[in-house]
Amino acid sequence: MFRRYGVEDLIGEFVLSYEEGVAKPDPKIFTVACQRIGVAPERALMIGDSPETDGGAAGIGCATAFVDPLPTEERPDALDRIVTDWLPAVRS
């Protein structure tokens, strides 16, 4: 999808469960992601739509924020709202 929309080069790392042999909510997948981008979990924000699966990031100390689990066309500004709300905290 990232390639299809021409934004693949904007992503620093892709952490794919089938390559890592572990899937969400296992905290290891979030640890690998943080290590690859060189960010301590305490400085990372996991944005997802499922507290059950994406909430595994909290197990390693990541902040978590959730959008409504709706089809993306029904939540077009969900990511914008979370980033706007969290940006001041992330910059401090």
PDB file of N, CA and C in Angstrom:
ATOM      1  N   MET A   1       0.823  -1.192   0.000  1.00  0.00           N
ATOM      2  CA  MET A   1       0.000   0.000   0.000  1.00  0.00           C
ATOM      3  C   MET A   1       0.871   1.261   0.000  1.00  0.00           C
ATOM      4  N   PHE A   2       1.947   1.242   0.759  1.00  0.00           N
ATOM      5  CA  PHE A   2       2.809   2.420   0.798  1.00  0.00           C
ATOM      6  C   PHE A   2       3.410   2.691  -0.581  1.00  0.00           C
ATOM      7  N   ARG A   3       3.839   1.646  -1.257  1.00  0.00           N
ATOM      8  CA  ARG A   3       4.381   1.802  -2.606  1.00  0.00           C
ATOM      9  C   ARG A   3       3.290   2.274  -3.564  1.00  0.00           C
ATOM     10  N   ARG A   4       2.114   1.687  -3.434  1.00  0.00           N
ATOM     11  CA  ARG A   4       0.995   2.036  -4.327  1.00  0.00           C
ATOM     12  C   ARG A   4       0.685   3.527  -4.263  1.00  0.00           C
ATOM     13  N   TYR A   5       0.753   4.106  -3.057  1.00  0.00           N
ATOM     14  CA  TYR A   5       0.428   5.521  -2.884  1.00  0.00           C
ATOM     15  C   TYR A   5       1.650   6.432  -2.970  1.00  0.00           C
ATOM     16  N   GLY A   6       2.797   5.848  -3.292  1.00  0.00           N
ATOM     17  CA  GLY A   6       3.990   6.660  -3.514  1.00  0.00           C
ATOM     18  C   GLY A   6       4.611   7.235  -2.263  1.00  0.00           C
ATOM     19  N   VAL A   7       4.413   6.602  -1.127  1.00  0.00           N
ATOM     20  CA  VAL A   7       4.979   7.126   0.116  1.00  0.00           C
ATOM     21  C   VAL A   7       5.935   6.143   0.797  1.00  0.00           C
ATOM     22  N   GLU A   8       6.283   5.077   0.106  1.00  0.00           N
ATOM     23  CA  GLU A   8       7.165   4.068   0.689  1.00  0.00           C
ATOM     24  C   GLU A   8       8.483   4.668   1.186  1.00  0.00           C
ATOM     25  N   ASP A   9       9.008   5.661   0.465  1.00  0.00           N
ATOM     26  CA  ASP A   9      10.282   6.262   0.858  1.00  0.00           C
ATOM     27  C   ASP A   9      10.173   7.135   2.101  1.00  0.00           C
ATOM     28  N   LEU A  10       8.970   7.390   2.575  1.00  0.00           N
ATOM     29  CA  LEU A  10       8.778   8.178   3.796  1.00  0.00           C
ATOM     30  C   LEU A  10       8.842   7.318   5.058  1.00  0.00           C
ATOM     31  N   ILE A  11       8.885   6.011   4.891  1.00  0.00           N
ATOM     32  CA  ILE A  11       8.906   5.086   6.016  1.00  0.00           C
ATOM     33  C   ILE A  11      10.335   4.617   6.236  1.00  0.00           C
ATOM     34  N   GLY A  12      10.821   4.784   7.457  1.00  0.00           N
ATOM     35  CA  GLY A  12      12.191   4.394   7.773  1.00  0.00           C
ATOM     36  C   GLY A  12      12.362   2.900   7.950  1.00  0.00           C
ATOM     37  N   GLU A  13      11.383   2.245   8.488  1.00  0.00           N
ATOM     38  CA  GLU A  13      11.459   0.811   8.748  1.00  0.00           C
ATOM     39  C   GLU A  13      10.085   0.182   8.636  1.00  0.00           C
ATOM     40  N   PHE A  14      10.072  -1.030   8.137  1.00  0.00           N
ATOM     41  CA  PHE A  14       8.875  -1.865   8.167  1.00  0.00           C
ATOM     42  C   PHE A  14       9.214  -3.061   9.038  1.00  0.00           C
ATOM     43  N   VAL A  15       8.421  -3.323  10.051  1.00  0.00           N
ATOM     44  CA  VAL A  15       8.616  -4.493  10.903  1.00  0.00           C
ATOM     45  C   VAL A  15       7.421  -5.396  10.659  1.00  0.00           C
ATOM     46  N   LEU A  16       7.681  -6.492   9.980  1.00  0.00           N
ATOM     47  CA  LEU A  16       6.621  -7.398   9.556  1.00  0.00           C
ATOM     48  C   LEU A  16       6.641  -8.664  10.403  1.00  0.00           C
ATOM     49  N   SER A  17       5.489  -8.999  10.950  1.00  0.00           N
ATOM     50  CA  SER A  17       5.417 -10.134  11.870  1.00  0.00           C
ATOM     51  C   SER A  17       5.883 -11.429  11.224  1.00  0.00           C
ATOM     52  N   TYR A  18       5.574 -11.644   9.949  1.00  0.00           N
ATOM     53  CA  TYR A  18       5.983 -12.902   9.324  1.00  0.00           C
ATOM     54  C   TYR A  18       7.505 -12.991   9.160  1.00  0.00           C
ATOM     55  N   GLU A  19       8.180 -11.858   9.097  1.00  0.00           N
ATOM     56  CA  GLU A  19       9.643 -11.862   9.034  1.00  0.00           C
ATOM     57  C   GLU A  19      10.259 -12.027  10.415  1.00  0.00           C
ATOM     58  N   GLU A  20       9.609 -11.496  11.431  1.00  0.00           N
ATOM     59  CA  GLU A  20      10.138 -11.538  12.792  1.00  0.00           C
ATOM     60  C   GLU A  20       9.738 -12.793  13.549  1.00  0.00           C
ATOM     61  N   GLY A  21       8.733 -13.495  13.051  1.00  0.00           N
ATOM     62  CA  GLY A  21       8.275 -14.707  13.727  1.00  0.00           C
ATOM     63  C   GLY A  21       7.507 -14.430  14.999  1.00  0.00           C
ATOM     64  N   VAL A  22       6.998 -13.234  15.123  1.00  0.00           N
ATOM     65  CA  VAL A  22       6.222 -12.843  16.301  1.00  0.00           C
ATOM     66  C   VAL A  22       5.210 -11.789  15.852  1.00  0.00           C
ATOM     67  N   ALA A  23       4.042 -11.808  16.453  1.00  0.00           N
ATOM     68  CA  ALA A  23       2.986 -10.880  16.047  1.00  0.00           C
ATOM     69  C   ALA A  23       2.439 -10.139  17.256  1.00  0.00           C
ATOM     70  N   LYS A  24       1.761  -9.030  16.960  1.00  0.00           N
ATOM     71  CA  LYS A  24       1.076  -8.288  18.025  1.00  0.00           C
ATOM     72  C   LYS A  24       0.058  -9.226  18.671  1.00  0.00           C
ATOM     73  N   PRO A  25      -0.113  -9.141  19.936  1.00  0.00           N
ATOM     74  CA  PRO A  25       0.330  -8.139  20.908  1.00  0.00           C
ATOM     75  C   PRO A  25       1.664  -8.440  21.592  1.00  0.00           C
ATOM     76  N   ASP A  26       2.405  -9.445  21.136  1.00  0.00           N
ATOM     77  CA  ASP A  26       3.689  -9.761  21.755  1.00  0.00           C
ATOM     78  C   ASP A  26       4.566  -8.515  21.780  1.00  0.00           C
ATOM     79  N   PRO A  27       5.034  -8.127  22.960  1.00  0.00           N
ATOM     80  CA  PRO A  27       5.855  -6.917  23.068  1.00  0.00           C
ATOM     81  C   PRO A  27       7.128  -6.943  22.222  1.00  0.00           C
ATOM     82  N   LYS A  28       7.601  -8.137  21.859  1.00  0.00           N
ATOM     83  CA  LYS A  28       8.838  -8.225  21.078  1.00  0.00           C
ATOM     84  C   LYS A  28       8.724  -7.474  19.750  1.00  0.00           C
ATOM     85  N   ILE A  29       7.578  -7.517  19.120  1.00  0.00           N
ATOM     86  CA  ILE A  29       7.430  -6.845  17.825  1.00  0.00           C
ATOM     87  C   ILE A  29       7.607  -5.329  17.968  1.00  0.00           C
ATOM     88  N   PHE A  30       7.153  -4.799  19.091  1.00  0.00           N
ATOM     89  CA  PHE A  30       7.301  -3.362  19.354  1.00  0.00           C
ATOM     90  C   PHE A  30       8.742  -3.034  19.748  1.00  0.00           C
ATOM     91  N   THR A  31       9.387  -3.951  20.472  1.00  0.00           N
ATOM     92  CA  THR A  31      10.795  -3.768  20.830  1.00  0.00           C
ATOM     93  C   THR A  31      11.651  -3.715  19.577  1.00  0.00           C
ATOM     94  N   VAL A  32      11.412  -4.634  18.658  1.00  0.00           N
ATOM     95  CA  VAL A  32      12.156  -4.650  17.396  1.00  0.00           C
ATOM     96  C   VAL A  32      11.954  -3.332  16.647  1.00  0.00           C
ATOM     97  N   ALA A  33      10.718  -2.864  16.580  1.00  0.00           N
ATOM     98  CA  ALA A  33      10.434  -1.613  15.872  1.00  0.00           C
ATOM     99  C   ALA A  33      11.199  -0.452  16.493  1.00  0.00           C
ATOM    100  N   CYS A  34      11.165  -0.350  17.804  1.00  0.00           N
ATOM    101  CA  CYS A  34      11.879   0.747  18.478  1.00  0.00           C
ATOM    102  C   CYS A  34      13.381   0.651  18.247  1.00  0.00           C
ATOM    103  N   GLN A  35      13.919  -0.554  18.336  1.00  0.00           N
ATOM    104  CA  GLN A  35      15.353  -0.728  18.111  1.00  0.00           C
ATOM    105  C   GLN A  35      15.737  -0.311  16.700  1.00  0.00           C
ATOM    106  N   ARG A  36      14.954  -0.711  15.735  1.00  0.00           N
ATOM    107  CA  ARG A  36      15.279  -0.411  14.335  1.00  0.00           C
ATOM    108  C   ARG A  36      15.267   1.079  14.036  1.00  0.00           C
ATOM    109  N   ILE A  37      14.378   1.812  14.684  1.00  0.00           N
ATOM    110  CA  ILE A  37      14.346   3.255  14.412  1.00  0.00           C
ATOM    111  C   ILE A  37      15.192   4.044  15.399  1.00  0.00           C
ATOM    112  N   GLY A  38      15.794   3.332  16.351  1.00  0.00           N
ATOM    113  CA  GLY A  38      16.705   3.984  17.291  1.00  0.00           C
ATOM    114  C   GLY A  38      16.018   4.888  18.288  1.00  0.00           C
ATOM    115  N   VAL A  39      14.825   4.495  18.733  1.00  0.00           N
ATOM    116  CA  VAL A  39      14.057   5.295  19.683  1.00  0.00           C
ATOM    117  C   VAL A  39      13.747   4.443  20.914  1.00  0.00           C
ATOM    118  N   ALA A  40      14.019   4.988  22.089  1.00  0.00           N
ATOM    119  CA  ALA A  40      13.662   4.285  23.319  1.00  0.00           C
ATOM    120  C   ALA A  40      12.142   4.159  23.394  1.00  0.00           C
ATOM    121  N   PRO A  41      11.640   3.026  23.857  1.00  0.00           N
ATOM    122  CA  PRO A  41      10.184   2.851  23.950  1.00  0.00           C
ATOM    123  C   PRO A  41       9.486   3.995  24.685  1.00  0.00           C
ATOM    124  N   GLU A  42      10.134   4.549  25.691  1.00  0.00           N
ATOM    125  CA  GLU A  42       9.533   5.632  26.466  1.00  0.00           C
ATOM    126  C   GLU A  42       9.357   6.906  25.640  1.00  0.00           C
ATOM    127  N   ARG A  43      10.013   6.972  24.476  1.00  0.00           N
ATOM    128  CA  ARG A  43       9.915   8.139  23.596  1.00  0.00           C
ATOM    129  C   ARG A  43       9.060   7.847  22.360  1.00  0.00           C
ATOM    130  N   ALA A  44       8.430   6.662  22.342  1.00  0.00           N
ATOM    131  CA  ALA A  44       7.647   6.249  21.180  1.00  0.00           C
ATOM    132  C   ALA A  44       6.150   6.309  21.477  1.00  0.00           C
ATOM    133  N   LEU A  45       5.392   6.534  20.437  1.00  0.00           N
ATOM    134  CA  LEU A  45       3.935   6.532  20.526  1.00  0.00           C
ATOM    135  C   LEU A  45       3.406   5.516  19.532  1.00  0.00           C
ATOM    136  N   MET A  46       2.685   4.521  20.026  1.00  0.00           N
ATOM    137  CA  MET A  46       2.045   3.523  19.169  1.00  0.00           C
ATOM    138  C   MET A  46       0.606   3.962  18.947  1.00  0.00           C
ATOM    139  N   ILE A  47       0.248   4.195  17.688  1.00  0.00           N
ATOM    140  CA  ILE A  47      -1.117   4.564  17.348  1.00  0.00           C
ATOM    141  C   ILE A  47      -1.748   3.362  16.671  1.00  0.00           C
ATOM    142  N   GLY A  48      -2.849   2.901  17.208  1.00  0.00           N
ATOM    143  CA  GLY A  48      -3.510   1.733  16.648  1.00  0.00           C
ATOM    144  C   GLY A  48      -5.010   1.823  16.788  1.00  0.00           C
ATOM    145  N   ASP A  49      -5.663   0.734  16.432  1.00  0.00           N
ATOM    146  CA  ASP A  49      -7.117   0.709  16.552  1.00  0.00           C
ATOM    147  C   ASP A  49      -7.611  -0.457  17.405  1.00  0.00           C
ATOM    148  N   SER A  50      -6.678  -1.134  18.083  1.00  0.00           N
ATOM    149  CA  SER A  50      -7.068  -2.265  18.913  1.00  0.00           C
ATOM    150  C   SER A  50      -6.253  -2.307  20.204  1.00  0.00           C
ATOM    151  N   PRO A  51      -6.870  -1.975  21.322  1.00  0.00           N
ATOM    152  CA  PRO A  51      -6.138  -2.080  22.592  1.00  0.00           C
ATOM    153  C   PRO A  51      -5.630  -3.497  22.856  1.00  0.00           C
ATOM    154  N   GLU A  52      -6.330  -4.501  22.345  1.00  0.00           N
ATOM    155  CA  GLU A  52      -5.918  -5.882  22.579  1.00  0.00           C
ATOM    156  C   GLU A  52      -4.617  -6.215  21.856  1.00  0.00           C
ATOM    157  N   THR A  53      -4.463  -5.769  20.631  1.00  0.00           N
ATOM    158  CA  THR A  53      -3.244  -6.104  19.884  1.00  0.00           C
ATOM    159  C   THR A  53      -2.213  -4.985  19.922  1.00  0.00           C
ATOM    160  N   ASP A  54      -2.619  -3.787  19.634  1.00  0.00           N
ATOM    161  CA  ASP A  54      -1.675  -2.672  19.610  1.00  0.00           C
ATOM    162  C   ASP A  54      -1.255  -2.251  21.007  1.00  0.00           C
ATOM    163  N   GLY A  55      -2.055  -2.593  21.994  1.00  0.00           N
ATOM    164  CA  GLY A  55      -1.735  -2.263  23.373  1.00  0.00           C
ATOM    165  C   GLY A  55      -0.508  -2.983  23.898  1.00  0.00           C
ATOM    166  N   GLY A  56      -0.041  -3.998  23.184  1.00  0.00           N
ATOM    167  CA  GLY A  56       1.182  -4.685  23.586  1.00  0.00           C
ATOM    168  C   GLY A  56       2.375  -3.748  23.660  1.00  0.00           C
ATOM    169  N   ALA A  57       2.318  -2.644  22.956  1.00  0.00           N
ATOM    170  CA  ALA A  57       3.403  -1.666  22.999  1.00  0.00           C
ATOM    171  C   ALA A  57       3.560  -1.077  24.400  1.00  0.00           C
ATOM    172  N   ALA A  58       2.464  -0.958  25.118  1.00  0.00           N
ATOM    173  CA  ALA A  58       2.531  -0.414  26.477  1.00  0.00           C
ATOM    174  C   ALA A  58       3.370  -1.307  27.380  1.00  0.00           C
ATOM    175  N   GLY A  59       3.432  -2.591  27.055  1.00  0.00           N
ATOM    176  CA  GLY A  59       4.222  -3.534  27.845  1.00  0.00           C
ATOM    177  C   GLY A  59       5.706  -3.249  27.841  1.00  0.00           C
ATOM    178  N   ILE A  60       6.186  -2.496  26.858  1.00  0.00           N
ATOM    179  CA  ILE A  60       7.610  -2.134  26.829  1.00  0.00           C
ATOM    180  C   ILE A  60       7.826  -0.656  27.144  1.00  0.00           C
ATOM    181  N   GLY A  61       6.755   0.023  27.510  1.00  0.00           N
ATOM    182  CA  GLY A  61       6.881   1.419  27.922  1.00  0.00           C
ATOM    183  C   GLY A  61       6.469   2.456  26.898  1.00  0.00           C
ATOM    184  N   CYS A  62       5.973   2.028  25.746  1.00  0.00           N
ATOM    185  CA  CYS A  62       5.515   2.992  24.738  1.00  0.00           C
ATOM    186  C   CYS A  62       4.207   3.628  25.187  1.00  0.00           C
ATOM    187  N   ALA A  63       4.040   4.881  24.851  1.00  0.00           N
ATOM    188  CA  ALA A  63       2.730   5.501  24.997  1.00  0.00           C
ATOM    189  C   ALA A  63       1.837   4.895  23.914  1.00  0.00           C
ATOM    190  N   THR A  64       0.562   4.821  24.175  1.00  0.00           N
ATOM    191  CA  THR A  64      -0.364   4.284  23.186  1.00  0.00           C
ATOM    192  C   THR A  64      -1.555   5.219  23.025  1.00  0.00           C
ATOM    193  N   ALA A  65      -2.058   5.270  21.812  1.00  0.00           N
ATOM    194  CA  ALA A  65      -3.259   6.051  21.512  1.00  0.00           C
ATOM    195  C   ALA A  65      -4.048   5.242  20.496  1.00  0.00           C
ATOM    196  N   PHE A  66      -5.359   5.337  20.587  1.00  0.00           N
ATOM    197  CA  PHE A  66      -6.200   4.501  19.737  1.00  0.00           C
ATOM    198  C   PHE A  66      -7.226   5.324  18.973  1.00  0.00           C
ATOM    199  N   VAL A  67      -7.361   4.961  17.713  1.00  0.00           N
ATOM    200  CA  VAL A  67      -8.415   5.523  16.879  1.00  0.00           C
ATOM    201  C   VAL A  67      -9.596   4.560  16.955  1.00  0.00           C
ATOM    202  N   ASP A  68     -10.774   5.050  16.608  1.00  0.00           N
ATOM    203  CA  ASP A  68     -11.942   4.182  16.589  1.00  0.00           C
ATOM    204  C   ASP A  68     -11.740   3.066  15.574  1.00  0.00           C
ATOM    205  N   PRO A  69     -12.087   1.839  15.928  1.00  0.00           N
ATOM    206  CA  PRO A  69     -11.910   0.715  15.003  1.00  0.00           C
ATOM    207  C   PRO A  69     -12.992   0.696  13.922  1.00  0.00           C
ATOM    208  N   LEU A  70     -12.942   1.685  13.073  1.00  0.00           N
ATOM    209  CA  LEU A  70     -13.891   1.837  11.978  1.00  0.00           C
ATOM    210  C   LEU A  70     -13.140   1.735  10.657  1.00  0.00           C
ATOM    211  N   PRO A  71     -13.838   1.492   9.565  1.00  0.00           N
ATOM    212  CA  PRO A  71     -13.161   1.559   8.260  1.00  0.00           C
ATOM    213  C   PRO A  71     -12.505   2.931   8.102  1.00  0.00           C
ATOM    214  N   THR A  72     -11.351   2.960   7.469  1.00  0.00           N
ATOM    215  CA  THR A  72     -10.594   4.212   7.381  1.00  0.00           C
ATOM    216  C   THR A  72     -11.381   5.344   6.732  1.00  0.00           C
ATOM    217  N   GLU A  73     -12.264   5.029   5.809  1.00  0.00           N
ATOM    218  CA  GLU A  73     -13.043   6.106   5.182  1.00  0.00           C
ATOM    219  C   GLU A  73     -14.020   6.752   6.161  1.00  0.00           C
ATOM    220  N   GLU A  74     -14.289   6.065   7.277  1.00  0.00           N
ATOM    221  CA  GLU A  74     -15.173   6.637   8.296  1.00  0.00           C
ATOM    222  C   GLU A  74     -14.390   7.366   9.388  1.00  0.00           C
ATOM    223  N   ARG A  75     -13.095   7.383   9.292  1.00  0.00           N
ATOM    224  CA  ARG A  75     -12.258   8.076  10.274  1.00  0.00           C
ATOM    225  C   ARG A  75     -11.105   8.799   9.570  1.00  0.00           C
ATOM    226  N   PRO A  76     -11.418   9.617   8.585  1.00  0.00           N
ATOM    227  CA  PRO A  76     -10.364  10.217   7.759  1.00  0.00           C
ATOM    228  C   PRO A  76      -9.404  11.130   8.511  1.00  0.00           C
ATOM    229  N   ASP A  77      -9.827  11.698   9.628  1.00  0.00           N
ATOM    230  CA  ASP A  77      -8.939  12.602  10.354  1.00  0.00           C
ATOM    231  C   ASP A  77      -8.468  12.016  11.685  1.00  0.00           C
ATOM    232  N   ALA A  78      -8.669  10.734  11.899  1.00  0.00           N
ATOM    233  CA  ALA A  78      -8.332  10.120  13.185  1.00  0.00           C
ATOM    234  C   ALA A  78      -6.852  10.251  13.518  1.00  0.00           C
ATOM    235  N   LEU A  79      -5.995   9.963  12.567  1.00  0.00           N
ATOM    236  CA  LEU A  79      -4.559  10.072  12.818  1.00  0.00           C
ATOM    237  C   LEU A  79      -4.163  11.515  13.064  1.00  0.00           C
ATOM    238  N   ASP A  80      -4.701  12.428  12.296  1.00  0.00           N
ATOM    239  CA  ASP A  80      -4.415  13.856  12.503  1.00  0.00           C
ATOM    240  C   ASP A  80      -4.763  14.288  13.921  1.00  0.00           C
ATOM    241  N   ARG A  81      -5.925  13.859  14.402  1.00  0.00           N
ATOM    242  CA  ARG A  81      -6.345  14.259  15.757  1.00  0.00           C
ATOM    243  C   ARG A  81      -5.395  13.716  16.811  1.00  0.00           C
ATOM    244  N   ILE A  82      -4.971  12.486  16.676  1.00  0.00           N
ATOM    245  CA  ILE A  82      -4.061  11.913  17.679  1.00  0.00           C
ATOM    246  C   ILE A  82      -2.716  12.616  17.643  1.00  0.00           C
ATOM    247  N   VAL A  83      -2.168  12.799  16.468  1.00  0.00           N
ATOM    248  CA  VAL A  83      -0.868  13.461  16.366  1.00  0.00           C
ATOM    249  C   VAL A  83      -0.942  14.873  16.929  1.00  0.00           C
ATOM    250  N   THR A  84      -2.000  15.596  16.625  1.00  0.00           N
ATOM    251  CA  THR A  84      -2.169  16.949  17.147  1.00  0.00           C
ATOM    252  C   THR A  84      -2.246  16.942  18.673  1.00  0.00           C
ATOM    253  N   ASP A  85      -2.958  15.970  19.232  1.00  0.00           N
ATOM    254  CA  ASP A  85      -3.086  15.877  20.687  1.00  0.00           C
ATOM    255  C   ASP A  85      -1.766  15.497  21.353  1.00  0.00           C
ATOM    256  N   TRP A  86      -0.997  14.621  20.733  1.00  0.00           N
ATOM    257  CA  TRP A  86       0.216  14.085  21.350  1.00  0.00           C
ATOM    258  C   TRP A  86       1.472  14.877  21.020  1.00  0.00           C
ATOM    259  N   LEU A  87       1.479  15.642  19.963  1.00  0.00           N
ATOM    260  CA  LEU A  87       2.702  16.310  19.534  1.00  0.00           C
ATOM    261  C   LEU A  87       3.366  17.147  20.629  1.00  0.00           C
ATOM    262  N   PRO A  88       2.628  17.931  21.390  1.00  0.00           N
ATOM    263  CA  PRO A  88       3.299  18.688  22.463  1.00  0.00           C
ATOM    264  C   PRO A  88       4.009  17.785  23.470  1.00  0.00           C
ATOM    265  N   ALA A  89       3.421  16.653  23.821  1.00  0.00           N
ATOM    266  CA  ALA A  89       4.041  15.743  24.784  1.00  0.00           C
ATOM    267  C   ALA A  89       5.280  15.074  24.197  1.00  0.00           C
ATOM    268  N   VAL A  90       5.241  14.741  22.920  1.00  0.00           N
ATOM    269  CA  VAL A  90       6.359  14.073  22.270  1.00  0.00           C
ATOM    270  C   VAL A  90       7.549  15.009  22.139  1.00  0.00           C
ATOM    271  N   ARG A  91       7.297  16.268  21.918  1.00  0.00           N
ATOM    272  CA  ARG A  91       8.392  17.239  21.740  1.00  0.00           C
ATOM    273  C   ARG A  91       9.073  17.598  23.057  1.00  0.00           C
ATOM    274  N   SER A  92       8.432  17.348  24.167  1.00  0.00           N
ATOM    275  CA  SER A  92       9.052  17.744  25.448  1.00  0.00           C
ATOM    276  C   SER A  92      10.078  16.739  25.918  1.00  0.00           C
TER     277      SER A  92
END
